[in-house]
Amino acid sequence: MQDFIARLIEESKHFLNERAQIDDDIGQEAAKFVAREIPAPSGTFEKSDSPLIRWIEEAIQFGSPETANLLNALKPSLPFLPWKYNYEPRADMPDLGNRMGWGEILGPEAPYHDEHFCFGFTLLGKNTLYPAHYHPATELYVVLSGLAVWTLDGVSKVRGPGEFILHPSNHVHSMQTKDEPLLALYTWSGEDVVTLSKYV
């Protein structure tokens, strides 16, 4: 599995490298990951028992030619990512942890330990709302598979495979899937990548 993860990291950097050549806010965030030195792993990747596993096969089916290589690199690793959902429970959405989560590869609690930067993948099932939330970290997403409505500071837009989305520090944002699951690469950067997201 370690070889698959190493290939996934390499392919992820390769994918972001082209966007990193554009000198704007998104390009600068992409460049941070491309230039990041990845430490040796301090943890292992075991087969996940997360309820999100049931979405994996469908979640990789809605990519594009642009994201195909990265999805191919990601596919064998998906069942072994450390999928989690660690928000406080919501009485109005009690099954949310069964419908969305993230598998972090690099970060403070990830198998590749880094106290100052995070990298991983977010997965939402079909017809799932990731409610409005915010966090201190600056967050970069690139959609790999699936159409979804992305909302930032009250402005909504449908985003698809290959599109980059930047969430500045502490700006409120949300995502809503419809008929397709969503699979996206994310990074977190900034002075605080430890403090978890909070719902609005």
N, C-alpha and C. Protein backbone atom coordinates (compact mmCIF):
# COMPACT_ATOMS: atom_id res chain seq x y z
N MET A 1 0.82 -1.21 0.00
CA MET A 1 0.00 0.00 0.00
C MET A 1 0.86 1.27 0.00
N GLN A 2 2.02 1.18 0.64
CA GLN A 2 2.87 2.37 0.71
C GLN A 2 3.28 2.84 -0.68
N ASP A 3 3.51 1.92 -1.61
CA ASP A 3 3.87 2.30 -2.98
C ASP A 3 2.71 3.03 -3.66
N PHE A 4 1.48 2.58 -3.40
CA PHE A 4 0.31 3.25 -3.98
C PHE A 4 0.18 4.67 -3.43
N ILE A 5 0.41 4.83 -2.14
CA ILE A 5 0.31 6.16 -1.53
C ILE A 5 1.40 7.08 -2.07
N ALA A 6 2.61 6.55 -2.20
CA ALA A 6 3.71 7.36 -2.74
C ALA A 6 3.40 7.82 -4.16
N ARG A 7 2.84 6.91 -4.97
CA ARG A 7 2.45 7.28 -6.33
C ARG A 7 1.34 8.33 -6.31
N LEU A 8 0.41 8.19 -5.38
CA LEU A 8 -0.69 9.14 -5.27
C LEU A 8 -0.19 10.53 -4.92
N ILE A 9 0.74 10.61 -3.99
CA ILE A 9 1.33 11.91 -3.63
C ILE A 9 2.03 12.52 -4.84
N GLU A 10 2.80 11.71 -5.54
CA GLU A 10 3.52 12.20 -6.72
C GLU A 10 2.55 12.69 -7.79
N GLU A 11 1.51 11.92 -8.04
CA GLU A 11 0.53 12.30 -9.08
C GLU A 11 -0.24 13.55 -8.66
N SER A 12 -0.52 13.69 -7.38
CA SER A 12 -1.21 14.88 -6.88
C SER A 12 -0.36 16.12 -7.07
N LYS A 13 0.92 16.01 -6.75
CA LYS A 13 1.82 17.15 -6.96
C LYS A 13 1.92 17.50 -8.45
N HIS A 14 1.99 16.47 -9.28
CA HIS A 14 2.07 16.69 -10.72
C HIS A 14 0.82 17.42 -11.22
N PHE A 15 -0.34 17.02 -10.73
CA PHE A 15 -1.59 17.63 -11.15
C PHE A 15 -1.64 19.10 -10.75
N LEU A 16 -1.23 19.42 -9.53
CA LEU A 16 -1.29 20.79 -9.05
C LEU A 16 -0.19 21.67 -9.62
N ASN A 17 0.87 21.05 -10.13
CA ASN A 17 2.02 21.82 -10.59
C ASN A 17 1.66 22.76 -11.74
N GLU A 18 0.81 22.31 -12.66
CA GLU A 18 0.43 23.18 -13.78
C GLU A 18 -0.30 24.42 -13.28
N ARG A 19 -1.22 24.23 -12.35
CA ARG A 19 -1.95 25.39 -11.81
C ARG A 19 -1.04 26.27 -10.98
N ALA A 20 -0.01 25.70 -10.39
CA ALA A 20 0.93 26.47 -9.57
C ALA A 20 1.75 27.45 -10.39
N GLN A 21 1.77 27.29 -11.71
CA GLN A 21 2.53 28.20 -12.56
C GLN A 21 1.82 29.53 -12.75
N ILE A 22 0.54 29.60 -12.40
CA ILE A 22 -0.22 30.85 -12.51
C ILE A 22 -0.10 31.60 -11.20
N ASP A 23 0.40 32.83 -11.25
CA ASP A 23 0.69 33.58 -10.04
C ASP A 23 -0.56 34.34 -9.56
N ASP A 24 -1.47 33.59 -8.96
CA ASP A 24 -2.62 34.19 -8.29
C ASP A 24 -2.82 33.44 -6.98
N ASP A 25 -3.90 33.76 -6.26
CA ASP A 25 -4.09 33.16 -4.94
C ASP A 25 -4.18 31.64 -5.01
N ILE A 26 -4.90 31.12 -6.00
CA ILE A 26 -5.02 29.67 -6.14
C ILE A 26 -3.68 29.07 -6.53
N GLY A 27 -2.98 29.69 -7.47
CA GLY A 27 -1.68 29.20 -7.89
C GLY A 27 -0.68 29.16 -6.74
N GLN A 28 -0.74 30.17 -5.88
CA GLN A 28 0.18 30.21 -4.75
C GLN A 28 -0.12 29.10 -3.75
N GLU A 29 -1.40 28.80 -3.54
CA GLU A 29 -1.74 27.68 -2.65
C GLU A 29 -1.31 26.35 -3.25
N ALA A 30 -1.53 26.19 -4.55
CA ALA A 30 -1.09 24.96 -5.22
C ALA A 30 0.42 24.80 -5.12
N ALA A 31 1.14 25.90 -5.28
CA ALA A 31 2.60 25.86 -5.23
C ALA A 31 3.11 25.44 -3.85
N LYS A 32 2.37 25.78 -2.81
CA LYS A 32 2.79 25.39 -1.46
C LYS A 32 2.86 23.87 -1.33
N PHE A 33 1.87 23.19 -1.91
CA PHE A 33 1.88 21.73 -1.84
C PHE A 33 2.95 21.14 -2.75
N VAL A 34 3.07 21.69 -3.95
CA VAL A 34 4.06 21.17 -4.90
C VAL A 34 5.46 21.24 -4.30
N ALA A 35 5.74 22.33 -3.57
CA ALA A 35 7.07 22.53 -3.00
C ALA A 35 7.25 21.85 -1.64
N ARG A 36 6.16 21.34 -1.08
CA ARG A 36 6.24 20.78 0.28
C ARG A 36 7.08 19.52 0.30
N GLU A 37 8.01 19.47 1.23
CA GLU A 37 8.79 18.25 1.42
C GLU A 37 7.96 17.26 2.23
N ILE A 38 7.74 16.10 1.68
CA ILE A 38 6.90 15.10 2.34
C ILE A 38 7.78 14.22 3.22
N PRO A 39 7.50 14.15 4.52
CA PRO A 39 8.33 13.34 5.41
C PRO A 39 8.08 11.85 5.19
N ALA A 40 8.95 11.06 5.77
CA ALA A 40 8.70 9.61 5.77
C ALA A 40 7.46 9.34 6.61
N PRO A 41 6.66 8.35 6.25
CA PRO A 41 5.44 8.08 7.01
C PRO A 41 5.75 7.59 8.42
N SER A 42 4.96 8.08 9.37
CA SER A 42 5.09 7.63 10.75
C SER A 42 3.92 6.76 11.16
N GLY A 43 2.96 6.59 10.25
CA GLY A 43 1.81 5.75 10.50
C GLY A 43 1.58 4.81 9.33
N THR A 44 0.56 3.98 9.44
CA THR A 44 0.27 3.00 8.40
C THR A 44 -1.12 3.25 7.82
N PHE A 45 -1.37 2.65 6.67
CA PHE A 45 -2.66 2.75 6.01
C PHE A 45 -3.33 1.38 6.06
N GLU A 46 -4.38 1.28 6.85
CA GLU A 46 -5.11 0.03 7.01
C GLU A 46 -6.46 0.12 6.29
N LYS A 47 -7.03 -1.02 5.97
CA LYS A 47 -8.35 -1.04 5.33
C LYS A 47 -9.35 -0.34 6.24
N SER A 48 -10.02 0.66 5.70
CA SER A 48 -10.95 1.46 6.49
C SER A 48 -12.28 0.74 6.68
N ASP A 49 -12.89 0.95 7.85
CA ASP A 49 -14.23 0.44 8.09
C ASP A 49 -15.26 1.58 8.09
N SER A 50 -14.87 2.72 7.53
CA SER A 50 -15.76 3.88 7.46
C SER A 50 -16.98 3.57 6.60
N PRO A 51 -18.15 4.09 6.97
CA PRO A 51 -19.33 3.92 6.12
C PRO A 51 -19.19 4.60 4.76
N LEU A 52 -18.21 5.49 4.63
CA LEU A 52 -17.98 6.16 3.34
C LEU A 52 -17.51 5.20 2.26
N ILE A 53 -16.98 4.06 2.66
CA ILE A 53 -16.44 3.11 1.69
C ILE A 53 -17.48 2.72 0.65
N ARG A 54 -18.74 2.74 1.04
CA ARG A 54 -19.78 2.32 0.10
C ARG A 54 -19.93 3.27 -1.09
N TRP A 55 -19.39 4.48 -0.95
CA TRP A 55 -19.51 5.46 -2.03
C TRP A 55 -18.35 5.41 -3.01
N ILE A 56 -17.30 4.69 -2.69
CA ILE A 56 -16.05 4.81 -3.44
C ILE A 56 -16.20 4.46 -4.91
N GLU A 57 -16.77 3.31 -5.20
CA GLU A 57 -16.86 2.88 -6.60
C GLU A 57 -17.61 3.89 -7.46
N GLU A 58 -18.69 4.42 -6.92
CA GLU A 58 -19.47 5.40 -7.68
C GLU A 58 -18.76 6.75 -7.74
N ALA A 59 -18.04 7.09 -6.67
CA ALA A 59 -17.44 8.41 -6.58
C ALA A 59 -16.35 8.66 -7.61
N ILE A 60 -15.74 7.61 -8.14
CA ILE A 60 -14.67 7.81 -9.12
C ILE A 60 -15.18 7.77 -10.56
N GLN A 61 -16.49 7.63 -10.74
CA GLN A 61 -17.05 7.47 -12.08
C GLN A 61 -17.41 8.78 -12.77
N PHE A 62 -17.30 9.90 -12.07
CA PHE A 62 -17.78 11.16 -12.63
C PHE A 62 -16.64 12.16 -12.80
N GLY A 63 -15.48 11.64 -13.19
CA GLY A 63 -14.33 12.49 -13.46
C GLY A 63 -14.36 13.05 -14.87
N SER A 64 -13.21 13.50 -15.32
CA SER A 64 -13.06 14.07 -16.66
C SER A 64 -11.72 13.61 -17.21
N PRO A 65 -11.47 13.79 -18.50
CA PRO A 65 -10.14 13.45 -19.03
C PRO A 65 -9.02 14.16 -18.27
N GLU A 66 -9.31 15.36 -17.80
CA GLU A 66 -8.29 16.13 -17.07
C GLU A 66 -7.93 15.49 -15.74
N THR A 67 -8.89 14.86 -15.09
CA THR A 67 -8.64 14.29 -13.76
C THR A 67 -8.43 12.78 -13.79
N ALA A 68 -8.45 12.17 -14.98
CA ALA A 68 -8.42 10.71 -15.09
C ALA A 68 -7.15 10.10 -14.49
N ASN A 69 -6.00 10.68 -14.77
CA ASN A 69 -4.74 10.10 -14.26
C ASN A 69 -4.69 10.12 -12.73
N LEU A 70 -5.13 11.23 -12.16
CA LEU A 70 -5.11 11.32 -10.70
C LEU A 70 -6.14 10.36 -10.09
N LEU A 71 -7.30 10.24 -10.70
CA LEU A 71 -8.28 9.28 -10.21
C LEU A 71 -7.76 7.85 -10.29
N ASN A 72 -7.04 7.54 -11.35
CA ASN A 72 -6.46 6.20 -11.49
C ASN A 72 -5.43 5.93 -10.39
N ALA A 73 -4.66 6.96 -10.04
CA ALA A 73 -3.68 6.81 -8.96
C ALA A 73 -4.37 6.70 -7.61
N LEU A 74 -5.50 7.36 -7.48
CA LEU A 74 -6.22 7.39 -6.21
C LEU A 74 -7.02 6.11 -5.95
N LYS A 75 -7.52 5.50 -7.00
CA LYS A 75 -8.47 4.39 -6.86
C LYS A 75 -7.99 3.27 -5.93
N PRO A 76 -6.77 2.73 -6.08
CA PRO A 76 -6.37 1.62 -5.20
C PRO A 76 -6.16 2.04 -3.75
N SER A 77 -5.96 3.34 -3.52
CA SER A 77 -5.69 3.82 -2.16
C SER A 77 -6.96 4.16 -1.40
N LEU A 78 -8.06 4.44 -2.10
CA LEU A 78 -9.26 4.95 -1.45
C LEU A 78 -9.75 4.10 -0.28
N PRO A 79 -9.79 2.77 -0.39
CA PRO A 79 -10.29 1.99 0.76
C PRO A 79 -9.35 2.01 1.97
N PHE A 80 -8.13 2.49 1.78
CA PHE A 80 -7.12 2.46 2.85
C PHE A 80 -6.83 3.83 3.44
N LEU A 81 -7.49 4.86 2.94
CA LEU A 81 -7.28 6.18 3.52
C LEU A 81 -7.93 6.24 4.90
N PRO A 82 -7.39 7.06 5.81
CA PRO A 82 -7.95 7.14 7.17
C PRO A 82 -9.20 8.02 7.21
N TRP A 83 -10.28 7.54 6.62
CA TRP A 83 -11.52 8.31 6.53
C TRP A 83 -12.07 8.63 7.91
N LYS A 84 -12.50 9.87 8.09
CA LYS A 84 -13.06 10.26 9.38
C LYS A 84 -14.05 11.40 9.19
N TYR A 85 -14.84 11.60 10.23
CA TYR A 85 -15.77 12.72 10.33
C TYR A 85 -15.78 13.07 11.81
N ASN A 86 -15.27 14.24 12.17
CA ASN A 86 -15.12 14.52 13.60
C ASN A 86 -15.77 15.83 14.03
N TYR A 87 -16.85 16.21 13.34
CA TYR A 87 -17.66 17.32 13.83
C TYR A 87 -18.50 16.87 15.02
N GLU A 88 -18.97 17.86 15.80
CA GLU A 88 -19.95 17.57 16.83
C GLU A 88 -21.24 17.08 16.15
N PRO A 89 -21.91 16.10 16.75
CA PRO A 89 -23.16 15.60 16.15
C PRO A 89 -24.20 16.71 16.01
N ARG A 90 -25.01 16.60 14.95
CA ARG A 90 -26.09 17.55 14.71
C ARG A 90 -27.42 16.82 14.81
N ALA A 91 -28.32 17.33 15.64
CA ALA A 91 -29.62 16.70 15.81
C ALA A 91 -30.44 16.74 14.52
N ASP A 92 -30.20 17.79 13.70
CA ASP A 92 -30.98 17.93 12.47
C ASP A 92 -30.40 17.10 11.33
N MET A 93 -29.19 16.59 11.47
CA MET A 93 -28.55 15.78 10.43
C MET A 93 -27.79 14.64 11.09
N PRO A 94 -28.50 13.72 11.74
CA PRO A 94 -27.83 12.70 12.56
C PRO A 94 -26.98 11.71 11.78
N ASP A 95 -27.23 11.55 10.48
CA ASP A 95 -26.47 10.55 9.71
C ASP A 95 -25.38 11.18 8.85
N LEU A 96 -25.04 12.44 9.11
CA LEU A 96 -24.09 13.13 8.25
C LEU A 96 -22.73 12.43 8.21
N GLY A 97 -22.32 11.86 9.32
CA GLY A 97 -21.04 11.16 9.36
C GLY A 97 -21.01 9.90 8.52
N ASN A 98 -22.18 9.43 8.10
CA ASN A 98 -22.25 8.28 7.19
C ASN A 98 -22.23 8.70 5.73
N ARG A 99 -22.30 10.01 5.49
CA ARG A 99 -22.47 10.50 4.12
C ARG A 99 -21.31 11.37 3.65
N MET A 100 -20.45 11.78 4.57
CA MET A 100 -19.33 12.63 4.17
C MET A 100 -18.17 12.46 5.14
N GLY A 101 -16.99 12.81 4.66
CA GLY A 101 -15.80 12.74 5.50
C GLY A 101 -14.57 13.01 4.66
N TRP A 102 -13.42 12.83 5.26
CA TRP A 102 -12.17 13.11 4.57
C TRP A 102 -11.10 12.11 5.02
N GLY A 103 -10.21 11.83 4.11
CA GLY A 103 -9.08 10.96 4.39
C GLY A 103 -7.80 11.76 4.25
N GLU A 104 -7.16 12.04 5.37
CA GLU A 104 -5.98 12.91 5.37
C GLU A 104 -4.71 12.07 5.29
N ILE A 105 -3.86 12.41 4.34
CA ILE A 105 -2.60 11.71 4.13
C ILE A 105 -1.45 12.43 4.83
N LEU A 106 -1.48 13.76 4.76
CA LEU A 106 -0.44 14.60 5.36
C LEU A 106 -1.11 15.58 6.31
N GLY A 107 -0.63 15.65 7.55
CA GLY A 107 -1.22 16.58 8.50
C GLY A 107 -0.82 16.25 9.92
N PRO A 108 -1.31 17.01 10.90
CA PRO A 108 -0.92 16.80 12.29
C PRO A 108 -1.28 15.42 12.84
N GLU A 109 -2.37 14.82 12.34
CA GLU A 109 -2.79 13.50 12.83
C GLU A 109 -2.77 12.46 11.72
N ALA A 110 -2.10 12.75 10.63
CA ALA A 110 -2.10 11.87 9.46
C ALA A 110 -0.90 10.91 9.47
N PRO A 111 -0.94 9.86 8.66
CA PRO A 111 0.20 8.94 8.59
C PRO A 111 1.50 9.61 8.18
N TYR A 112 1.42 10.63 7.33
CA TYR A 112 2.57 11.47 7.03
C TYR A 112 2.42 12.72 7.90
N HIS A 113 3.25 12.82 8.94
CA HIS A 113 3.05 13.84 9.96
C HIS A 113 3.59 15.20 9.51
N ASP A 114 2.75 16.23 9.63
CA ASP A 114 3.15 17.61 9.34
C ASP A 114 2.28 18.52 10.19
N GLU A 115 2.89 19.29 11.07
CA GLU A 115 2.14 20.16 11.98
C GLU A 115 1.63 21.43 11.30
N HIS A 116 2.10 21.71 10.08
CA HIS A 116 1.83 23.01 9.49
C HIS A 116 1.15 22.96 8.13
N PHE A 117 0.82 21.78 7.65
CA PHE A 117 0.21 21.66 6.32
C PHE A 117 -0.58 20.36 6.26
N CYS A 118 -1.70 20.40 5.55
CA CYS A 118 -2.54 19.20 5.40
C CYS A 118 -2.82 18.94 3.92
N PHE A 119 -2.97 17.67 3.61
CA PHE A 119 -3.31 17.23 2.25
C PHE A 119 -4.11 15.95 2.36
N GLY A 120 -5.20 15.90 1.62
CA GLY A 120 -6.02 14.70 1.65
C GLY A 120 -7.14 14.78 0.63
N PHE A 121 -8.18 13.99 0.87
CA PHE A 121 -9.30 13.90 -0.06
C PHE A 121 -10.61 13.93 0.70
N THR A 122 -11.56 14.69 0.16
CA THR A 122 -12.89 14.80 0.74
C THR A 122 -13.88 14.02 -0.12
N LEU A 123 -14.80 13.32 0.54
CA LEU A 123 -15.80 12.51 -0.16
C LEU A 123 -17.18 12.83 0.41
N LEU A 124 -18.11 13.16 -0.48
CA LEU A 124 -19.51 13.35 -0.12
C LEU A 124 -20.35 12.39 -0.94
N GLY A 125 -21.30 11.74 -0.29
CA GLY A 125 -22.23 10.89 -1.02
C GLY A 125 -23.22 11.71 -1.83
N LYS A 126 -24.05 11.03 -2.57
CA LYS A 126 -25.09 11.71 -3.35
C LYS A 126 -26.09 12.40 -2.41
N ASN A 127 -26.67 13.51 -2.91
CA ASN A 127 -27.73 14.22 -2.18
C ASN A 127 -27.33 14.51 -0.74
N THR A 128 -26.13 15.06 -0.61
CA THR A 128 -25.57 15.34 0.72
C THR A 128 -25.20 16.82 0.82
N LEU A 129 -25.59 17.44 1.92
CA LEU A 129 -25.20 18.81 2.22
C LEU A 129 -24.06 18.79 3.22
N TYR A 130 -22.95 19.42 2.85
CA TYR A 130 -21.88 19.72 3.81
C TYR A 130 -22.22 21.11 4.31
N PRO A 131 -22.78 21.22 5.51
CA PRO A 131 -23.36 22.49 5.96
C PRO A 131 -22.32 23.61 6.05
N ALA A 132 -22.83 24.83 6.08
CA ALA A 132 -21.97 26.02 6.16
C ALA A 132 -21.05 25.91 7.36
N HIS A 133 -19.76 26.17 7.12
CA HIS A 133 -18.76 26.03 8.17
C HIS A 133 -17.58 26.95 7.85
N TYR A 134 -16.66 27.04 8.78
CA TYR A 134 -15.47 27.87 8.59
C TYR A 134 -14.34 27.31 9.44
N HIS A 135 -13.12 27.73 9.12
CA HIS A 135 -11.95 27.26 9.86
C HIS A 135 -10.80 28.24 9.64
N PRO A 136 -9.83 28.29 10.56
CA PRO A 136 -8.71 29.23 10.41
C PRO A 136 -7.83 28.95 9.20
N ALA A 137 -7.70 27.70 8.81
CA ALA A 137 -6.80 27.35 7.70
C ALA A 137 -7.33 27.88 6.37
N THR A 138 -6.41 28.23 5.49
CA THR A 138 -6.74 28.51 4.10
C THR A 138 -6.86 27.17 3.38
N GLU A 139 -7.95 27.00 2.66
CA GLU A 139 -8.27 25.69 2.08
C GLU A 139 -8.34 25.77 0.56
N LEU A 140 -7.63 24.86 -0.08
CA LEU A 140 -7.70 24.74 -1.54
C LEU A 140 -8.32 23.39 -1.88
N TYR A 141 -9.30 23.43 -2.77
CA TYR A 141 -9.91 22.20 -3.29
C TYR A 141 -9.69 22.13 -4.79
N VAL A 142 -9.57 20.91 -5.30
CA VAL A 142 -9.72 20.67 -6.73
C VAL A 142 -10.67 19.49 -6.88
N VAL A 143 -11.73 19.71 -7.64
CA VAL A 143 -12.74 18.67 -7.84
C VAL A 143 -12.17 17.61 -8.77
N LEU A 144 -12.24 16.36 -8.35
CA LEU A 144 -11.76 15.25 -9.17
C LEU A 144 -12.90 14.52 -9.86
N SER A 145 -14.04 14.44 -9.19
CA SER A 145 -15.17 13.68 -9.74
C SER A 145 -16.46 14.21 -9.13
N GLY A 146 -17.46 14.42 -9.97
CA GLY A 146 -18.78 14.81 -9.48
C GLY A 146 -19.06 16.29 -9.56
N LEU A 147 -20.30 16.61 -9.92
CA LEU A 147 -20.78 17.98 -9.90
C LEU A 147 -21.40 18.27 -8.54
N ALA A 148 -21.19 19.49 -8.03
CA ALA A 148 -21.78 19.90 -6.76
C ALA A 148 -21.93 21.41 -6.76
N VAL A 149 -22.82 21.89 -5.90
CA VAL A 149 -22.99 23.33 -5.71
C VAL A 149 -22.07 23.75 -4.57
N TRP A 150 -21.15 24.65 -4.87
CA TRP A 150 -20.21 25.17 -3.89
C TRP A 150 -20.62 26.59 -3.55
N THR A 151 -20.68 26.91 -2.26
CA THR A 151 -21.09 28.24 -1.82
C THR A 151 -20.00 28.84 -0.94
N LEU A 152 -19.61 30.06 -1.26
CA LEU A 152 -18.61 30.80 -0.48
C LEU A 152 -19.15 32.20 -0.23
N ASP A 153 -19.24 32.57 1.05
CA ASP A 153 -19.74 33.90 1.43
C ASP A 153 -21.08 34.20 0.77
N GLY A 154 -21.95 33.20 0.70
CA GLY A 154 -23.29 33.39 0.19
C GLY A 154 -23.44 33.32 -1.31
N VAL A 155 -22.36 33.13 -2.04
CA VAL A 155 -22.39 33.06 -3.50
C VAL A 155 -22.21 31.60 -3.92
N SER A 156 -23.16 31.08 -4.69
CA SER A 156 -23.16 29.66 -5.07
C SER A 156 -22.83 29.48 -6.54
N LYS A 157 -22.14 28.37 -6.83
CA LYS A 157 -21.79 28.05 -8.21
C LYS A 157 -21.62 26.54 -8.34
N VAL A 158 -22.10 25.99 -9.45
CA VAL A 158 -21.88 24.57 -9.72
C VAL A 158 -20.45 24.37 -10.20
N ARG A 159 -19.76 23.45 -9.57
CA ARG A 159 -18.37 23.17 -9.92
C ARG A 159 -18.22 21.71 -10.33
N GLY A 160 -17.31 21.48 -11.29
CA GLY A 160 -17.11 20.13 -11.78
C GLY A 160 -15.65 19.73 -11.81
N PRO A 161 -15.36 18.54 -12.31
CA PRO A 161 -14.00 18.01 -12.31
C PRO A 161 -13.00 18.96 -12.98
N GLY A 162 -11.85 19.12 -12.32
CA GLY A 162 -10.79 19.98 -12.82
C GLY A 162 -10.84 21.39 -12.30
N GLU A 163 -11.94 21.78 -11.65
CA GLU A 163 -12.05 23.15 -11.15
C GLU A 163 -11.41 23.27 -9.77
N PHE A 164 -10.77 24.42 -9.56
CA PHE A 164 -10.13 24.74 -8.29
C PHE A 164 -11.02 25.71 -7.52
N ILE A 165 -11.10 25.52 -6.21
CA ILE A 165 -11.88 26.38 -5.34
C ILE A 165 -11.01 26.76 -4.15
N LEU A 166 -10.95 28.06 -3.84
CA LEU A 166 -10.16 28.55 -2.71
C LEU A 166 -11.08 29.09 -1.64
N HIS A 167 -10.91 28.62 -0.41
CA HIS A 167 -11.65 29.11 0.74
C HIS A 167 -10.67 29.84 1.65
N PRO A 168 -10.69 31.17 1.66
CA PRO A 168 -9.78 31.90 2.55
C PRO A 168 -10.09 31.62 4.02
N SER A 169 -9.15 31.94 4.86
CA SER A 169 -9.26 31.71 6.29
C SER A 169 -10.55 32.31 6.86
N ASN A 170 -11.30 31.48 7.59
CA ASN A 170 -12.50 31.88 8.33
C ASN A 170 -13.63 32.43 7.47
N HIS A 171 -13.63 32.13 6.17
CA HIS A 171 -14.77 32.47 5.31
C HIS A 171 -15.75 31.30 5.31
N VAL A 172 -17.03 31.62 5.41
CA VAL A 172 -18.06 30.59 5.50
C VAL A 172 -18.31 29.97 4.13
N HIS A 173 -18.34 28.64 4.10
CA HIS A 173 -18.55 27.94 2.83
C HIS A 173 -19.30 26.62 3.08
N SER A 174 -19.88 26.09 2.00
CA SER A 174 -20.62 24.83 2.08
C SER A 174 -20.60 24.15 0.72
N MET A 175 -21.01 22.87 0.70
CA MET A 175 -21.12 22.11 -0.56
C MET A 175 -22.40 21.29 -0.52
N GLN A 176 -23.01 21.12 -1.68
CA GLN A 176 -24.23 20.34 -1.81
C GLN A 176 -24.15 19.46 -3.05
N THR A 177 -24.21 18.14 -2.84
CA THR A 177 -24.25 17.23 -3.98
C THR A 177 -25.70 16.92 -4.35
N LYS A 178 -25.88 16.48 -5.59
CA LYS A 178 -27.21 16.08 -6.07
C LYS A 178 -27.15 14.60 -6.46
N ASP A 179 -27.10 14.34 -7.75
CA ASP A 179 -27.18 12.96 -8.26
C ASP A 179 -25.84 12.26 -8.36
N GLU A 180 -24.75 12.96 -8.03
CA GLU A 180 -23.42 12.37 -8.13
C GLU A 180 -22.66 12.57 -6.83
N PRO A 181 -21.92 11.58 -6.37
CA PRO A 181 -21.02 11.81 -5.24
C PRO A 181 -19.93 12.81 -5.64
N LEU A 182 -19.30 13.39 -4.65
CA LEU A 182 -18.22 14.34 -4.87
C LEU A 182 -16.93 13.79 -4.29
N LEU A 183 -15.87 13.83 -5.08
CA LEU A 183 -14.54 13.46 -4.62
C LEU A 183 -13.60 14.59 -4.98
N ALA A 184 -12.90 15.13 -3.99
CA ALA A 184 -12.05 16.30 -4.22
C ALA A 184 -10.77 16.20 -3.41
N LEU A 185 -9.68 16.69 -3.99
CA LEU A 185 -8.40 16.83 -3.29
C LEU A 185 -8.45 18.14 -2.52
N TYR A 186 -7.88 18.15 -1.32
CA TYR A 186 -7.81 19.40 -0.56
C TYR A 186 -6.44 19.59 0.05
N THR A 187 -6.11 20.86 0.31
CA THR A 187 -4.95 21.21 1.14
C THR A 187 -5.39 22.26 2.15
N TRP A 188 -4.72 22.25 3.29
CA TRP A 188 -4.88 23.28 4.31
C TRP A 188 -3.52 23.90 4.56
N SER A 189 -3.49 25.23 4.65
CA SER A 189 -2.24 25.92 4.97
C SER A 189 -2.56 27.10 5.87
N GLY A 190 -1.50 27.75 6.36
CA GLY A 190 -1.68 28.91 7.21
C GLY A 190 -1.09 28.69 8.59
N GLU A 191 -1.33 29.65 9.47
CA GLU A 191 -0.74 29.59 10.81
C GLU A 191 -1.38 28.52 11.69
N ASP A 192 -2.63 28.15 11.38
CA ASP A 192 -3.34 27.18 12.23
C ASP A 192 -4.05 26.16 11.35
N VAL A 193 -3.46 24.97 11.24
CA VAL A 193 -4.12 23.88 10.51
C VAL A 193 -4.58 22.80 11.49
N VAL A 194 -4.56 23.12 12.77
CA VAL A 194 -4.94 22.16 13.81
C VAL A 194 -6.40 22.36 14.23
N THR A 195 -6.82 23.62 14.36
CA THR A 195 -8.19 23.91 14.79
C THR A 195 -9.20 23.38 13.78
N LEU A 196 -10.15 22.60 14.26
CA LEU A 196 -11.13 21.98 13.38
C LEU A 196 -12.17 22.98 12.89
N SER A 197 -12.86 22.59 11.84
CA SER A 197 -13.95 23.41 11.30
C SER A 197 -15.08 23.52 12.32
N LYS A 198 -15.83 24.62 12.22
CA LYS A 198 -17.02 24.81 13.05
C LYS A 198 -18.20 25.13 12.15
N TYR A 199 -19.33 24.52 12.45
CA TYR A 199 -20.55 24.84 11.72
C TYR A 199 -21.06 26.22 12.13
N VAL A 200 -21.70 26.88 11.20
CA VAL A 200 -22.26 28.20 11.47
C VAL A 200 -23.54 28.04 12.30
